[in-house]
């Protein structure tokens, strides 16, 4: 259980670090396409959904 917890914290720390770096967000292509596709899928269940860039 301790190993799982430490691994979980490590993964969360790495993902948080990657998320706050704007250069990573700019270099990863397809993020806006994935956001638009996700917004479209959400609209099938809940109509008032908007996607602006990479934010739903």
C-alpha atoms as a PDB file:
ATOM      1  CA  UNK A   1       0.000   0.000   0.000  1.00  0.00           C
ATOM      2  CA  UNK A   2       2.862   2.373   0.774  1.00  0.00           C
ATOM      3  CA  UNK A   3       4.422   1.656  -2.634  1.00  0.00           C
ATOM      4  CA  UNK A   4       1.144   2.500  -4.381  1.00  0.00           C
ATOM      5  CA  UNK A   5       0.803   5.751  -2.441  1.00  0.00           C
ATOM      6  CA  UNK A   6       4.362   6.872  -3.209  1.00  0.00           C
ATOM      7  CA  UNK A   7       3.983   5.977  -6.884  1.00  0.00           C
ATOM      8  CA  UNK A   8       0.663   7.835  -6.993  1.00  0.00           C
ATOM      9  CA  UNK A   9       2.257  10.964  -5.504  1.00  0.00           C
ATOM     10  CA  UNK A  10       5.161  10.755  -7.938  1.00  0.00           C
ATOM     11  CA  UNK A  11       2.860  10.469 -10.948  1.00  0.00           C
ATOM     12  CA  UNK A  12       0.694  13.351  -9.703  1.00  0.00           C
ATOM     13  CA  UNK A  13       3.771  15.530  -9.222  1.00  0.00           C
ATOM     14  CA  UNK A  14       5.066  14.801 -12.724  1.00  0.00           C
ATOM     15  CA  UNK A  15       1.676  15.434 -14.332  1.00  0.00           C
ATOM     16  CA  UNK A  16       1.216  18.683 -12.401  1.00  0.00           C
ATOM     17  CA  UNK A  17       4.657  19.891 -13.464  1.00  0.00           C
ATOM     18  CA  UNK A  18       3.909  19.088 -17.106  1.00  0.00           C
ATOM     19  CA  UNK A  19       0.515  20.788 -16.866  1.00  0.00           C
ATOM     20  CA  UNK A  20       1.800  24.117 -15.546  1.00  0.00           C
ATOM     21  CA  UNK A  21       4.521  24.428 -18.185  1.00  0.00           C
ATOM     22  CA  UNK A  22       3.007  26.420 -21.059  1.00  0.00           C
ATOM     23  CA  UNK A  23       5.696  25.267 -23.501  1.00  0.00           C
ATOM     24  CA  UNK A  24       4.397  21.710 -23.210  1.00  0.00           C
ATOM     25  CA  UNK A  25       0.834  22.850 -23.854  1.00  0.00           C
ATOM     26  CA  UNK A  26       1.938  24.734 -26.961  1.00  0.00           C
ATOM     27  CA  UNK A  27       4.086  21.912 -28.323  1.00  0.00           C
ATOM     28  CA  UNK A  28       1.517  19.142 -27.974  1.00  0.00           C
ATOM     29  CA  UNK A  29      -0.457  19.167 -31.186  1.00  0.00           C
ATOM     30  CA  UNK A  30      -4.055  18.091 -31.385  1.00  0.00           C
ATOM     31  CA  UNK A  31      -5.121  19.463 -28.017  1.00  0.00           C
ATOM     32  CA  UNK A  32      -7.632  21.863 -29.529  1.00  0.00           C
ATOM     33  CA  UNK A  33      -8.979  19.122 -31.788  1.00  0.00           C
ATOM     34  CA  UNK A  34      -9.398  16.819 -28.805  1.00  0.00           C
ATOM     35  CA  UNK A  35     -11.183  19.605 -26.896  1.00  0.00           C
ATOM     36  CA  UNK A  36     -13.554  20.294 -29.771  1.00  0.00           C
ATOM     37  CA  UNK A  37     -14.297  16.586 -30.143  1.00  0.00           C
ATOM     38  CA  UNK A  38     -14.926  16.230 -26.408  1.00  0.00           C
ATOM     39  CA  UNK A  39     -17.256  19.240 -26.423  1.00  0.00           C
ATOM     40  CA  UNK A  40     -19.165  17.742 -29.320  1.00  0.00           C
ATOM     41  CA  UNK A  41     -19.556  14.441 -27.463  1.00  0.00           C
ATOM     42  CA  UNK A  42     -20.692  16.234 -24.303  1.00  0.00           C
ATOM     43  CA  UNK A  43     -23.274  18.171 -26.330  1.00  0.00           C
ATOM     44  CA  UNK A  44     -24.954  14.864 -27.142  1.00  0.00           C
ATOM     45  CA  UNK A  45     -25.953  14.636 -23.469  1.00  0.00           C
ATOM     46  CA  UNK A  46     -25.996  18.282 -22.342  1.00  0.00           C
ATOM     47  CA  UNK A  47     -26.629  20.961 -24.957  1.00  0.00           C
ATOM     48  CA  UNK A  48     -25.103  24.193 -23.520  1.00  0.00           C
ATOM     49  CA  UNK A  49     -21.414  23.280 -23.848  1.00  0.00           C
ATOM     50  CA  UNK A  50     -18.774  25.609 -25.281  1.00  0.00           C
ATOM     51  CA  UNK A  51     -15.159  24.952 -26.231  1.00  0.00           C
ATOM     52  CA  UNK A  52     -12.720  27.853 -26.407  1.00  0.00           C
ATOM     53  CA  UNK A  53      -9.219  26.767 -27.424  1.00  0.00           C
ATOM     54  CA  UNK A  54      -8.242  24.032 -24.982  1.00  0.00           C
ATOM     55  CA  UNK A  55     -10.922  24.876 -22.390  1.00  0.00           C
ATOM     56  CA  UNK A  56     -14.344  23.239 -22.299  1.00  0.00           C
END
